[in-house]
Structures are given as structure tokens and as C-alpha cells.
Amino acid sequence: MAPNDDLLPVALKAFAELGYEGASVRDLCRRMGVSHNLLNQRFGSKDGLWYAAVDHGFGALASGIVSEFDADRYEDDLARLRFLMVRWLELTAAAPEVVKIINQEATTGGPRLDYMFERYIWPVTKTVTRFLRDLEREGRVRHLDAKTWHFLMVHGASGPLSLRALSERFDGRPASDADMRRYATNVVDVLLSGISTEVPPPQK
């Protein structure tokens, strides 16, 4: 385990719950169980801690996708795309803090949003868009631009996964892992059926 790996999930959750401006250095130190001096020693500043925590959160999402997404497992691009979308939603359910932080920073913009967009959001969106363009050229899906895909998936489909309290009001109980997977599979099938000109191959 890296020296800061035990602190960064706590910091990520704090920023997600309080927002960057609302998370004071005192709050952060108290939650992480460290002194102000240690925070500065390890991260330089509150700003440095935010970037480190965001890198940690996005890194966990990326490693989860990579470790599970074996390109050779699916020979068909539509099946690959479906698997990747379902897997992303499942990972988001396990780490909703990342989406919360995106939502916070997206309301006003600035260098923190620029950092997330250029380093994480756009590369993922570009990869999915490549799948979509290839499928579109083959006549298998209708056109869907990158912006629409992003907002449908990240700020639409992931809503019940990142807004757990609201989601539980509809269900009347906390969602189980099986509930999350069922939701992710169903919503991806709905999204793909809206643009697909064919029935996607079943996921193994």
C-alpha cells in the first residue's frame, strides 16, 4: 500500500460530502486523523490534497475497468461497449464520490474541472465515442455525439447509484449489489436500444 492510500479515500469522501470550499483544513485533518503539519508535509496544501484524492478516486475506477475489461472476451464491438458501460455503472455504485465531485465542480467550472475533464472525463468519453463511430460506420447504431453520451451515462444513468438516499426512497430499502447490477444492466440496455439498429449480443 502506498503511504497515502489510507488517507485519500477519506479525503475523497470529505470533499464529496462538503465540497471543496466547504471542506476546511481543520475538517479534513479531523476526518483523516492527521495534524495540519502532516497534511502539508504529505500533500503541500488543501489544493494538493484535493488533486491527490481525485487522482485516487479516478484511478480506482480506471483500474477496475481495466482489470475486468478483457478485449478478447468479446469479439463484437457492440458487446464490448455494453460490457464497458455496465461495468462503469457498477464501479460508480461502489464509489459515488467521484460523480458527486464532478457535479460540484461542473456547476461553476474552473481549474479543478479542467483537470478532471482533460485527464479523466474526455479520455474515457473519447474511447467510447470511437466504439460508437465504428458501429455507426457499420450501420449498426444511429449517431450519438460524445456530449450526449456523457450526460446520459454520467449524470443520468448513474443518478440512482450516486444519489443513494433518493434512490432508496423509491425502493423503500437499501439497494443490494444484485439490485445495482440489475439496474446497471437494464439502463444500459435501454440506452443502447435507443441507438442500436439491432439487438445487442447477450453479455456473458
N, C-alpha and C. Protein backbone atom coordinates (compact mmCIF):
# COMPACT_ATOMS: atom_id res chain seq x y z
N MET A 1 0.85 -1.19 0.00
CA MET A 1 0.00 0.00 0.00
C MET A 1 0.89 1.25 0.00
N ALA A 2 0.57 2.20 -0.87
CA ALA A 2 1.31 3.45 -0.91
C ALA A 2 1.08 4.23 0.38
N PRO A 3 2.02 5.13 0.76
CA PRO A 3 1.92 5.83 2.04
C PRO A 3 0.61 6.57 2.26
N ASN A 4 0.01 7.11 1.21
CA ASN A 4 -1.18 7.93 1.37
C ASN A 4 -2.48 7.21 1.04
N ASP A 5 -2.41 5.94 0.67
CA ASP A 5 -3.60 5.23 0.22
C ASP A 5 -4.67 5.12 1.29
N ASP A 6 -4.26 5.12 2.56
CA ASP A 6 -5.24 5.03 3.64
C ASP A 6 -5.93 6.36 3.89
N LEU A 7 -5.31 7.46 3.52
CA LEU A 7 -5.87 8.79 3.76
C LEU A 7 -6.72 9.29 2.59
N LEU A 8 -6.37 8.93 1.39
CA LEU A 8 -7.04 9.51 0.22
C LEU A 8 -8.51 9.13 0.09
N PRO A 9 -8.92 7.88 0.38
CA PRO A 9 -10.36 7.60 0.33
C PRO A 9 -11.16 8.45 1.32
N VAL A 10 -10.58 8.71 2.49
CA VAL A 10 -11.26 9.54 3.48
C VAL A 10 -11.36 10.97 2.98
N ALA A 11 -10.28 11.47 2.39
CA ALA A 11 -10.29 12.83 1.85
C ALA A 11 -11.28 12.95 0.70
N LEU A 12 -11.32 11.94 -0.17
CA LEU A 12 -12.25 11.95 -1.30
C LEU A 12 -13.69 12.04 -0.81
N LYS A 13 -14.01 11.25 0.20
CA LYS A 13 -15.37 11.27 0.75
C LYS A 13 -15.68 12.61 1.39
N ALA A 14 -14.71 13.20 2.05
CA ALA A 14 -14.92 14.50 2.68
C ALA A 14 -15.20 15.58 1.63
N PHE A 15 -14.42 15.59 0.57
CA PHE A 15 -14.64 16.59 -0.49
C PHE A 15 -15.99 16.35 -1.17
N ALA A 16 -16.37 15.09 -1.35
CA ALA A 16 -17.66 14.78 -1.97
C ALA A 16 -18.82 15.25 -1.11
N GLU A 17 -18.69 15.10 0.20
CA GLU A 17 -19.78 15.48 1.10
C GLU A 17 -19.84 16.98 1.37
N LEU A 18 -18.67 17.61 1.47
CA LEU A 18 -18.61 19.01 1.89
C LEU A 18 -18.36 19.98 0.74
N GLY A 19 -17.85 19.47 -0.40
CA GLY A 19 -17.42 20.36 -1.47
C GLY A 19 -16.05 20.92 -1.17
N TYR A 20 -15.38 21.41 -2.19
CA TYR A 20 -14.02 21.93 -1.99
C TYR A 20 -14.03 23.12 -1.04
N GLU A 21 -14.93 24.07 -1.29
CA GLU A 21 -14.96 25.27 -0.47
C GLU A 21 -15.44 24.96 0.94
N GLY A 22 -16.36 24.01 1.08
CA GLY A 22 -16.91 23.70 2.39
C GLY A 22 -16.02 22.84 3.26
N ALA A 23 -15.02 22.21 2.67
CA ALA A 23 -14.12 21.33 3.43
C ALA A 23 -12.94 22.16 3.95
N SER A 24 -13.00 22.51 5.21
CA SER A 24 -11.89 23.27 5.80
C SER A 24 -10.72 22.34 6.08
N VAL A 25 -9.56 22.91 6.20
CA VAL A 25 -8.37 22.11 6.53
C VAL A 25 -8.58 21.42 7.87
N ARG A 26 -9.23 22.10 8.80
CA ARG A 26 -9.49 21.51 10.11
C ARG A 26 -10.39 20.28 9.97
N ASP A 27 -11.46 20.41 9.16
CA ASP A 27 -12.35 19.27 8.93
C ASP A 27 -11.60 18.09 8.31
N LEU A 28 -10.78 18.39 7.32
CA LEU A 28 -10.05 17.35 6.62
C LEU A 28 -9.08 16.64 7.55
N CYS A 29 -8.36 17.40 8.34
CA CYS A 29 -7.40 16.80 9.28
C CYS A 29 -8.12 15.94 10.31
N ARG A 30 -9.27 16.43 10.79
CA ARG A 30 -10.01 15.67 11.79
C ARG A 30 -10.50 14.36 11.21
N ARG A 31 -11.04 14.39 10.00
CA ARG A 31 -11.56 13.17 9.38
C ARG A 31 -10.46 12.18 9.07
N MET A 32 -9.30 12.69 8.64
CA MET A 32 -8.20 11.79 8.29
C MET A 32 -7.38 11.37 9.50
N GLY A 33 -7.58 12.06 10.62
CA GLY A 33 -6.83 11.73 11.82
C GLY A 33 -5.37 12.12 11.74
N VAL A 34 -5.09 13.25 11.07
CA VAL A 34 -3.71 13.72 10.95
C VAL A 34 -3.63 15.18 11.40
N SER A 35 -2.43 15.63 11.64
CA SER A 35 -2.22 17.02 12.01
C SER A 35 -2.15 17.89 10.77
N HIS A 36 -2.32 19.21 11.00
CA HIS A 36 -2.19 20.17 9.89
C HIS A 36 -0.80 20.07 9.28
N ASN A 37 0.20 19.93 10.12
CA ASN A 37 1.58 19.85 9.63
C ASN A 37 1.79 18.61 8.75
N LEU A 38 1.19 17.48 9.16
CA LEU A 38 1.35 16.26 8.37
C LEU A 38 0.65 16.39 7.02
N LEU A 39 -0.54 17.02 7.03
CA LEU A 39 -1.24 17.24 5.76
C LEU A 39 -0.37 18.06 4.81
N ASN A 40 0.20 19.13 5.32
CA ASN A 40 1.06 19.97 4.48
C ASN A 40 2.31 19.23 4.04
N GLN A 41 2.85 18.40 4.93
CA GLN A 41 4.06 17.66 4.60
C GLN A 41 3.80 16.67 3.47
N ARG A 42 2.66 15.99 3.51
CA ARG A 42 2.38 14.96 2.52
C ARG A 42 1.80 15.51 1.22
N PHE A 43 0.96 16.54 1.33
CA PHE A 43 0.22 17.00 0.15
C PHE A 43 0.50 18.46 -0.23
N GLY A 44 1.19 19.18 0.62
CA GLY A 44 1.54 20.55 0.30
C GLY A 44 0.49 21.56 0.72
N SER A 45 -0.78 21.22 0.51
CA SER A 45 -1.87 22.15 0.79
C SER A 45 -3.19 21.42 0.64
N LYS A 46 -4.27 22.11 0.99
CA LYS A 46 -5.61 21.57 0.75
C LYS A 46 -5.82 21.31 -0.75
N ASP A 47 -5.32 22.21 -1.57
CA ASP A 47 -5.42 22.05 -3.02
C ASP A 47 -4.71 20.78 -3.47
N GLY A 48 -3.51 20.57 -2.96
CA GLY A 48 -2.76 19.37 -3.31
C GLY A 48 -3.47 18.11 -2.87
N LEU A 49 -4.13 18.17 -1.70
CA LEU A 49 -4.88 17.01 -1.22
C LEU A 49 -6.06 16.72 -2.12
N TRP A 50 -6.74 17.77 -2.59
CA TRP A 50 -7.89 17.57 -3.49
C TRP A 50 -7.45 16.83 -4.75
N TYR A 51 -6.38 17.29 -5.37
CA TYR A 51 -5.91 16.65 -6.61
C TYR A 51 -5.48 15.21 -6.35
N ALA A 52 -4.81 14.97 -5.24
CA ALA A 52 -4.38 13.61 -4.92
C ALA A 52 -5.59 12.71 -4.68
N ALA A 53 -6.60 13.23 -3.98
CA ALA A 53 -7.80 12.44 -3.71
C ALA A 53 -8.56 12.13 -4.99
N VAL A 54 -8.67 13.10 -5.88
CA VAL A 54 -9.36 12.90 -7.15
C VAL A 54 -8.59 11.89 -8.01
N ASP A 55 -7.28 12.00 -8.05
CA ASP A 55 -6.47 11.02 -8.79
C ASP A 55 -6.72 9.62 -8.25
N HIS A 56 -6.79 9.52 -6.94
CA HIS A 56 -7.03 8.22 -6.30
C HIS A 56 -8.40 7.68 -6.70
N GLY A 57 -9.42 8.52 -6.66
CA GLY A 57 -10.77 8.08 -6.99
C GLY A 57 -10.92 7.66 -8.43
N PHE A 58 -10.42 8.46 -9.35
CA PHE A 58 -10.49 8.11 -10.76
C PHE A 58 -9.60 6.91 -11.08
N GLY A 59 -8.46 6.83 -10.39
CA GLY A 59 -7.57 5.69 -10.61
C GLY A 59 -8.21 4.38 -10.23
N ALA A 60 -8.98 4.39 -9.14
CA ALA A 60 -9.67 3.17 -8.72
C ALA A 60 -10.71 2.76 -9.75
N LEU A 61 -11.43 3.74 -10.31
CA LEU A 61 -12.40 3.44 -11.36
C LEU A 61 -11.70 2.85 -12.59
N ALA A 62 -10.62 3.49 -13.01
CA ALA A 62 -9.91 3.03 -14.21
C ALA A 62 -9.34 1.64 -14.02
N SER A 63 -8.74 1.37 -12.86
CA SER A 63 -8.14 0.05 -12.65
C SER A 63 -9.22 -1.02 -12.59
N GLY A 64 -10.40 -0.67 -12.06
CA GLY A 64 -11.49 -1.63 -12.03
C GLY A 64 -11.97 -1.99 -13.41
N ILE A 65 -12.06 -1.00 -14.28
CA ILE A 65 -12.49 -1.26 -15.65
C ILE A 65 -11.45 -2.08 -16.38
N VAL A 66 -10.18 -1.69 -16.24
CA VAL A 66 -9.12 -2.39 -16.96
C VAL A 66 -8.99 -3.84 -16.49
N SER A 67 -9.10 -4.05 -15.18
CA SER A 67 -8.91 -5.40 -14.68
C SER A 67 -10.03 -6.33 -15.11
N GLU A 68 -11.22 -5.78 -15.38
CA GLU A 68 -12.35 -6.61 -15.74
C GLU A 68 -12.61 -6.63 -17.25
N PHE A 69 -12.11 -5.61 -17.94
CA PHE A 69 -12.45 -5.48 -19.36
C PHE A 69 -11.38 -6.14 -20.21
N ASP A 70 -11.63 -7.36 -20.60
CA ASP A 70 -10.71 -8.10 -21.46
C ASP A 70 -11.24 -8.01 -22.89
N ALA A 71 -10.51 -7.29 -23.74
CA ALA A 71 -10.98 -7.06 -25.11
C ALA A 71 -11.19 -8.36 -25.88
N ASP A 72 -10.39 -9.37 -25.57
CA ASP A 72 -10.52 -10.63 -26.29
C ASP A 72 -11.76 -11.42 -25.88
N ARG A 73 -12.36 -11.01 -24.77
CA ARG A 73 -13.53 -11.72 -24.29
C ARG A 73 -14.74 -11.51 -25.22
N TYR A 74 -14.77 -10.34 -25.85
CA TYR A 74 -15.87 -10.01 -26.75
C TYR A 74 -15.31 -9.66 -28.12
N GLU A 75 -15.69 -10.41 -29.12
CA GLU A 75 -15.22 -10.13 -30.46
C GLU A 75 -16.05 -9.03 -31.12
N ASP A 76 -17.24 -8.80 -30.60
CA ASP A 76 -18.17 -7.84 -31.19
C ASP A 76 -18.08 -6.50 -30.47
N ASP A 77 -17.96 -5.40 -31.23
CA ASP A 77 -17.81 -4.08 -30.62
C ASP A 77 -19.03 -3.65 -29.82
N LEU A 78 -20.22 -4.02 -30.26
CA LEU A 78 -21.42 -3.65 -29.53
C LEU A 78 -21.47 -4.36 -28.17
N ALA A 79 -21.04 -5.61 -28.14
CA ALA A 79 -20.97 -6.34 -26.88
C ALA A 79 -19.90 -5.76 -25.97
N ARG A 80 -18.77 -5.35 -26.56
CA ARG A 80 -17.72 -4.72 -25.77
C ARG A 80 -18.21 -3.42 -25.16
N LEU A 81 -18.91 -2.62 -25.96
CA LEU A 81 -19.42 -1.34 -25.48
C LEU A 81 -20.42 -1.57 -24.35
N ARG A 82 -21.31 -2.52 -24.52
CA ARG A 82 -22.31 -2.83 -23.49
C ARG A 82 -21.63 -3.24 -22.18
N PHE A 83 -20.64 -4.13 -22.29
CA PHE A 83 -19.94 -4.58 -21.10
C PHE A 83 -19.27 -3.41 -20.39
N LEU A 84 -18.60 -2.54 -21.14
CA LEU A 84 -17.89 -1.42 -20.56
C LEU A 84 -18.84 -0.47 -19.85
N MET A 85 -20.00 -0.21 -20.44
CA MET A 85 -20.98 0.68 -19.83
C MET A 85 -21.55 0.10 -18.54
N VAL A 86 -21.89 -1.17 -18.56
CA VAL A 86 -22.42 -1.81 -17.35
C VAL A 86 -21.36 -1.81 -16.26
N ARG A 87 -20.14 -2.16 -16.63
CA ARG A 87 -19.07 -2.21 -15.64
C ARG A 87 -18.81 -0.84 -15.04
N TRP A 88 -18.85 0.20 -15.85
CA TRP A 88 -18.62 1.56 -15.35
C TRP A 88 -19.69 1.93 -14.32
N LEU A 89 -20.94 1.61 -14.61
CA LEU A 89 -22.01 1.92 -13.67
C LEU A 89 -21.85 1.14 -12.36
N GLU A 90 -21.43 -0.11 -12.46
CA GLU A 90 -21.21 -0.90 -11.24
C GLU A 90 -20.10 -0.29 -10.38
N LEU A 91 -19.04 0.15 -11.02
CA LEU A 91 -17.94 0.77 -10.29
C LEU A 91 -18.37 2.09 -9.68
N THR A 92 -19.19 2.85 -10.40
CA THR A 92 -19.70 4.11 -9.88
C THR A 92 -20.55 3.87 -8.63
N ALA A 93 -21.32 2.78 -8.64
CA ALA A 93 -22.14 2.45 -7.48
C ALA A 93 -21.27 2.21 -6.25
N ALA A 94 -20.08 1.66 -6.47
CA ALA A 94 -19.17 1.36 -5.37
C ALA A 94 -18.37 2.59 -4.93
N ALA A 95 -18.31 3.62 -5.79
CA ALA A 95 -17.53 4.82 -5.48
C ALA A 95 -18.26 6.06 -5.98
N PRO A 96 -19.40 6.40 -5.38
CA PRO A 96 -20.19 7.53 -5.87
C PRO A 96 -19.54 8.89 -5.63
N GLU A 97 -18.49 8.92 -4.81
CA GLU A 97 -17.85 10.21 -4.51
C GLU A 97 -17.32 10.90 -5.76
N VAL A 98 -16.83 10.13 -6.71
CA VAL A 98 -16.25 10.73 -7.92
C VAL A 98 -17.31 11.51 -8.68
N VAL A 99 -18.50 10.91 -8.87
CA VAL A 99 -19.56 11.60 -9.59
C VAL A 99 -20.03 12.83 -8.83
N LYS A 100 -20.11 12.73 -7.51
CA LYS A 100 -20.51 13.89 -6.70
C LYS A 100 -19.54 15.05 -6.89
N ILE A 101 -18.25 14.74 -6.93
CA ILE A 101 -17.25 15.80 -7.10
C ILE A 101 -17.34 16.40 -8.51
N ILE A 102 -17.56 15.56 -9.52
CA ILE A 102 -17.76 16.09 -10.87
C ILE A 102 -18.94 17.05 -10.87
N ASN A 103 -20.05 16.65 -10.26
CA ASN A 103 -21.24 17.50 -10.23
C ASN A 103 -20.95 18.83 -9.52
N GLN A 104 -20.20 18.79 -8.43
CA GLN A 104 -19.87 20.02 -7.70
C GLN A 104 -19.08 20.97 -8.58
N GLU A 105 -18.02 20.46 -9.19
CA GLU A 105 -17.12 21.32 -9.95
C GLU A 105 -17.74 21.77 -11.27
N ALA A 106 -18.67 20.97 -11.79
CA ALA A 106 -19.27 21.29 -13.09
C ALA A 106 -20.24 22.46 -13.02
N THR A 107 -20.70 22.80 -11.82
CA THR A 107 -21.66 23.90 -11.71
C THR A 107 -21.02 25.26 -11.96
N THR A 108 -19.74 25.40 -11.63
CA THR A 108 -19.09 26.69 -11.78
C THR A 108 -17.89 26.66 -12.73
N GLY A 109 -17.29 25.50 -12.92
CA GLY A 109 -16.11 25.41 -13.78
C GLY A 109 -14.87 25.93 -13.08
N GLY A 110 -13.76 25.88 -13.78
CA GLY A 110 -12.51 26.35 -13.21
C GLY A 110 -11.42 25.32 -13.37
N PRO A 111 -10.26 25.56 -12.78
CA PRO A 111 -9.11 24.67 -12.98
C PRO A 111 -9.32 23.25 -12.49
N ARG A 112 -10.11 23.06 -11.45
CA ARG A 112 -10.33 21.70 -10.96
C ARG A 112 -11.17 20.89 -11.95
N LEU A 113 -12.20 21.52 -12.51
CA LEU A 113 -12.99 20.84 -13.54
C LEU A 113 -12.14 20.59 -14.77
N ASP A 114 -11.33 21.59 -15.16
CA ASP A 114 -10.45 21.42 -16.33
C ASP A 114 -9.54 20.21 -16.14
N TYR A 115 -9.02 20.06 -14.93
CA TYR A 115 -8.12 18.95 -14.64
C TYR A 115 -8.84 17.61 -14.82
N MET A 116 -10.03 17.49 -14.24
CA MET A 116 -10.77 16.23 -14.35
C MET A 116 -11.19 15.96 -15.79
N PHE A 117 -11.60 17.00 -16.50
CA PHE A 117 -12.06 16.81 -17.87
C PHE A 117 -10.92 16.33 -18.77
N GLU A 118 -9.80 17.03 -18.71
CA GLU A 118 -8.69 16.73 -19.60
C GLU A 118 -8.00 15.41 -19.25
N ARG A 119 -7.92 15.11 -17.97
CA ARG A 119 -7.17 13.93 -17.54
C ARG A 119 -8.02 12.66 -17.50
N TYR A 120 -9.31 12.80 -17.20
CA TYR A 120 -10.14 11.61 -16.99
C TYR A 120 -11.42 11.57 -17.82
N ILE A 121 -12.21 12.64 -17.78
CA ILE A 121 -13.53 12.59 -18.41
C ILE A 121 -13.43 12.47 -19.92
N TRP A 122 -12.65 13.33 -20.55
CA TRP A 122 -12.57 13.31 -22.01
C TRP A 122 -11.90 12.04 -22.54
N PRO A 123 -10.80 11.54 -21.95
CA PRO A 123 -10.21 10.29 -22.48
C PRO A 123 -11.19 9.12 -22.46
N VAL A 124 -11.98 8.99 -21.40
CA VAL A 124 -12.96 7.90 -21.35
C VAL A 124 -14.04 8.12 -22.40
N THR A 125 -14.54 9.35 -22.48
CA THR A 125 -15.59 9.66 -23.46
C THR A 125 -15.08 9.44 -24.88
N LYS A 126 -13.84 9.80 -25.12
CA LYS A 126 -13.26 9.63 -26.46
C LYS A 126 -13.16 8.15 -26.83
N THR A 127 -12.82 7.32 -25.86
CA THR A 127 -12.74 5.88 -26.12
C THR A 127 -14.10 5.32 -26.49
N VAL A 128 -15.13 5.70 -25.74
CA VAL A 128 -16.48 5.23 -26.04
C VAL A 128 -16.95 5.76 -27.38
N THR A 129 -16.62 7.03 -27.66
CA THR A 129 -17.03 7.62 -28.94
C THR A 129 -16.40 6.88 -30.10
N ARG A 130 -15.18 6.39 -29.93
CA ARG A 130 -14.55 5.61 -31.00
C ARG A 130 -15.35 4.35 -31.29
N PHE A 131 -15.80 3.66 -30.24
CA PHE A 131 -16.66 2.50 -30.43
C PHE A 131 -17.93 2.89 -31.20
N LEU A 132 -18.54 4.00 -30.78
CA LEU A 132 -19.78 4.43 -31.40
C LEU A 132 -19.59 4.80 -32.87
N ARG A 133 -18.47 5.48 -33.18
CA ARG A 133 -18.23 5.87 -34.58
C ARG A 133 -18.02 4.64 -35.46
N ASP A 134 -17.28 3.65 -34.93
CA ASP A 134 -17.07 2.43 -35.70
C ASP A 134 -18.39 1.72 -35.96
N LEU A 135 -19.23 1.64 -34.94
CA LEU A 135 -20.53 0.98 -35.09
C LEU A 135 -21.45 1.78 -36.01
N GLU A 136 -21.32 3.09 -35.95
CA GLU A 136 -22.14 3.94 -36.82
C GLU A 136 -21.76 3.74 -38.28
N ARG A 137 -20.46 3.65 -38.55
CA ARG A 137 -19.99 3.43 -39.94
C ARG A 137 -20.48 2.07 -40.47
N GLU A 138 -20.62 1.11 -39.56
CA GLU A 138 -21.10 -0.21 -39.96
C GLU A 138 -22.62 -0.26 -40.10
N GLY A 139 -23.28 0.85 -39.76
CA GLY A 139 -24.73 0.90 -39.84
C GLY A 139 -25.44 0.19 -38.71
N ARG A 140 -24.75 -0.04 -37.61
CA ARG A 140 -25.32 -0.82 -36.51
C ARG A 140 -25.93 0.06 -35.42
N VAL A 141 -25.53 1.34 -35.37
CA VAL A 141 -26.14 2.28 -34.42
C VAL A 141 -26.37 3.61 -35.12
N ARG A 142 -27.34 4.35 -34.58
CA ARG A 142 -27.56 5.71 -35.05
C ARG A 142 -26.56 6.65 -34.39
N HIS A 143 -26.44 7.85 -34.94
CA HIS A 143 -25.44 8.79 -34.44
C HIS A 143 -25.75 9.22 -33.01
N LEU A 144 -24.73 9.24 -32.18
CA LEU A 144 -24.82 9.77 -30.82
C LEU A 144 -23.53 10.51 -30.53
N ASP A 145 -23.63 11.81 -30.28
CA ASP A 145 -22.41 12.59 -30.07
C ASP A 145 -21.86 12.36 -28.66
N ALA A 146 -20.60 12.73 -28.49
CA ALA A 146 -19.88 12.45 -27.24
C ALA A 146 -20.53 13.14 -26.05
N LYS A 147 -20.96 14.39 -26.24
CA LYS A 147 -21.56 15.14 -25.13
C LYS A 147 -22.84 14.46 -24.64
N THR A 148 -23.70 14.06 -25.59
CA THR A 148 -24.95 13.41 -25.20
C THR A 148 -24.69 12.11 -24.47
N TRP A 149 -23.74 11.31 -24.98
CA TRP A 149 -23.41 10.05 -24.30
C TRP A 149 -22.95 10.31 -22.87
N HIS A 150 -22.06 11.29 -22.71
CA HIS A 150 -21.53 11.57 -21.37
C HIS A 150 -22.65 11.93 -20.40
N PHE A 151 -23.52 12.84 -20.79
CA PHE A 151 -24.55 13.29 -19.85
C PHE A 151 -25.58 12.20 -19.59
N LEU A 152 -25.88 11.38 -20.58
CA LEU A 152 -26.81 10.27 -20.35
C LEU A 152 -26.23 9.29 -19.33
N MET A 153 -24.96 8.96 -19.49
CA MET A 153 -24.34 7.95 -18.64
C MET A 153 -23.94 8.50 -17.27
N VAL A 154 -23.17 9.58 -17.28
CA VAL A 154 -22.54 10.06 -16.04
C VAL A 154 -23.52 10.82 -15.16
N HIS A 155 -24.39 11.61 -15.76
CA HIS A 155 -25.29 12.44 -14.96
C HIS A 155 -26.74 11.98 -15.05
N GLY A 156 -27.01 10.98 -15.87
CA GLY A 156 -28.34 10.44 -15.97
C GLY A 156 -28.41 9.04 -15.40
N ALA A 157 -27.81 8.10 -16.10
CA ALA A 157 -27.88 6.70 -15.69
C ALA A 157 -27.28 6.45 -14.32
N SER A 158 -26.27 7.20 -13.96
CA SER A 158 -25.61 6.95 -12.67
C SER A 158 -26.34 7.60 -11.49
N GLY A 159 -27.42 8.32 -11.76
CA GLY A 159 -28.13 9.02 -10.68
C GLY A 159 -28.49 8.14 -9.49
N PRO A 160 -29.20 7.01 -9.70
CA PRO A 160 -29.56 6.17 -8.56
C PRO A 160 -28.36 5.55 -7.85
N LEU A 161 -27.21 5.50 -8.54
CA LEU A 161 -26.02 4.91 -7.96
C LEU A 161 -25.27 5.90 -7.08
N SER A 162 -25.30 7.18 -7.46
CA SER A 162 -24.60 8.19 -6.69
C SER A 162 -25.52 8.92 -5.72
N LEU A 163 -26.82 8.89 -5.98
CA LEU A 163 -27.80 9.53 -5.09
C LEU A 163 -28.57 8.44 -4.35
N ARG A 164 -27.85 7.72 -3.51
CA ARG A 164 -28.41 6.53 -2.87
C ARG A 164 -29.64 6.85 -2.01
N ALA A 165 -29.59 7.95 -1.24
CA ALA A 165 -30.70 8.25 -0.34
C ALA A 165 -32.00 8.45 -1.11
N LEU A 166 -31.94 9.17 -2.22
CA LEU A 166 -33.13 9.38 -3.05
C LEU A 166 -33.58 8.07 -3.68
N SER A 167 -32.65 7.29 -4.17
CA SER A 167 -32.98 6.01 -4.79
C SER A 167 -33.70 5.09 -3.81
N GLU A 168 -33.24 5.10 -2.56
CA GLU A 168 -33.84 4.22 -1.56
C GLU A 168 -35.26 4.64 -1.20
N ARG A 169 -35.60 5.92 -1.43
CA ARG A 169 -36.97 6.35 -1.18
C ARG A 169 -37.94 5.67 -2.16
N PHE A 170 -37.48 5.42 -3.38
CA PHE A 170 -38.32 4.73 -4.36
C PHE A 170 -38.46 3.25 -4.02
N ASP A 171 -37.38 2.64 -3.56
CA ASP A 171 -37.37 1.20 -3.29
C ASP A 171 -37.88 0.85 -1.90
N GLY A 172 -37.79 1.80 -0.98
CA GLY A 172 -38.20 1.53 0.39
C GLY A 172 -37.20 0.73 1.18
N ARG A 173 -35.98 0.57 0.64
CA ARG A 173 -34.95 -0.19 1.33
C ARG A 173 -33.61 0.09 0.65
N PRO A 174 -32.51 -0.19 1.34
CA PRO A 174 -31.19 -0.03 0.71
C PRO A 174 -31.03 -1.02 -0.45
N ALA A 175 -30.36 -0.59 -1.49
CA ALA A 175 -30.14 -1.44 -2.65
C ALA A 175 -29.00 -2.43 -2.38
N SER A 176 -29.19 -3.65 -2.83
CA SER A 176 -28.15 -4.67 -2.71
C SER A 176 -27.25 -4.62 -3.94
N ASP A 177 -26.15 -5.38 -3.90
CA ASP A 177 -25.27 -5.46 -5.07
C ASP A 177 -26.03 -6.03 -6.27
N ALA A 178 -26.90 -7.00 -6.02
CA ALA A 178 -27.69 -7.58 -7.10
C ALA A 178 -28.64 -6.54 -7.70
N ASP A 179 -29.21 -5.68 -6.84
CA ASP A 179 -30.07 -4.60 -7.33
C ASP A 179 -29.28 -3.66 -8.23
N MET A 180 -28.07 -3.32 -7.80
CA MET A 180 -27.23 -2.40 -8.56
C MET A 180 -26.88 -2.97 -9.93
N ARG A 181 -26.54 -4.25 -9.96
CA ARG A 181 -26.18 -4.87 -11.23
C ARG A 181 -27.39 -4.96 -12.14
N ARG A 182 -28.53 -5.29 -11.57
CA ARG A 182 -29.75 -5.38 -12.37
C ARG A 182 -30.10 -4.01 -12.95
N TYR A 183 -29.99 -2.98 -12.13
CA TYR A 183 -30.26 -1.62 -12.62
C TYR A 183 -29.28 -1.24 -13.72
N ALA A 184 -27.98 -1.46 -13.49
CA ALA A 184 -26.97 -1.10 -14.49
C ALA A 184 -27.23 -1.80 -15.81
N THR A 185 -27.53 -3.09 -15.76
CA THR A 185 -27.79 -3.85 -16.98
C THR A 185 -29.03 -3.34 -17.70
N ASN A 186 -30.09 -3.09 -16.94
CA ASN A 186 -31.33 -2.62 -17.56
C ASN A 186 -31.18 -1.26 -18.21
N VAL A 187 -30.51 -0.32 -17.50
CA VAL A 187 -30.41 1.03 -18.04
C VAL A 187 -29.50 1.08 -19.26
N VAL A 188 -28.44 0.27 -19.26
CA VAL A 188 -27.57 0.22 -20.44
C VAL A 188 -28.32 -0.37 -21.63
N ASP A 189 -29.11 -1.40 -21.40
CA ASP A 189 -29.90 -1.98 -22.49
C ASP A 189 -30.89 -0.97 -23.06
N VAL A 190 -31.49 -0.16 -22.18
CA VAL A 190 -32.42 0.88 -22.65
C VAL A 190 -31.69 1.91 -23.49
N LEU A 191 -30.52 2.36 -23.01
CA LEU A 191 -29.75 3.36 -23.74
C LEU A 191 -29.31 2.84 -25.10
N LEU A 192 -28.80 1.61 -25.12
CA LEU A 192 -28.32 1.06 -26.38
C LEU A 192 -29.46 0.75 -27.33
N SER A 193 -30.61 0.35 -26.80
CA SER A 193 -31.74 0.07 -27.70
C SER A 193 -32.22 1.33 -28.39
N GLY A 194 -31.97 2.48 -27.76
CA GLY A 194 -32.38 3.73 -28.37
C GLY A 194 -31.56 4.14 -29.57
N ILE A 195 -30.33 3.63 -29.66
CA ILE A 195 -29.48 3.99 -30.80
C ILE A 195 -29.14 2.81 -31.69
N SER A 196 -29.39 1.58 -31.20
CA SER A 196 -28.99 0.40 -31.95
C SER A 196 -29.99 0.10 -33.06
N THR A 197 -29.48 -0.38 -34.16
CA THR A 197 -30.34 -0.83 -35.25
C THR A 197 -30.52 -2.34 -35.19
N GLU A 198 -30.00 -2.96 -34.14
CA GLU A 198 -30.10 -4.40 -33.98
C GLU A 198 -30.11 -4.75 -32.50
N VAL A 199 -30.44 -5.96 -32.16
CA VAL A 199 -30.42 -6.40 -30.78
C VAL A 199 -28.98 -6.72 -30.41
N PRO A 200 -28.43 -6.11 -29.34
CA PRO A 200 -27.04 -6.39 -28.98
C PRO A 200 -26.86 -7.83 -28.53
N PRO A 201 -25.70 -8.42 -28.83
CA PRO A 201 -25.44 -9.78 -28.36
C PRO A 201 -25.51 -9.85 -26.85
N PRO A 202 -25.98 -10.96 -26.28
CA PRO A 202 -26.08 -11.04 -24.82
C PRO A 202 -24.71 -11.01 -24.17
N GLN A 203 -24.67 -10.42 -23.00
CA GLN A 203 -23.42 -10.35 -22.22
C GLN A 203 -23.17 -11.68 -21.54
N LYS A 204 -21.94 -12.15 -21.60
CA LYS A 204 -21.59 -13.41 -20.96
C LYS A 204 -21.42 -13.22 -19.48
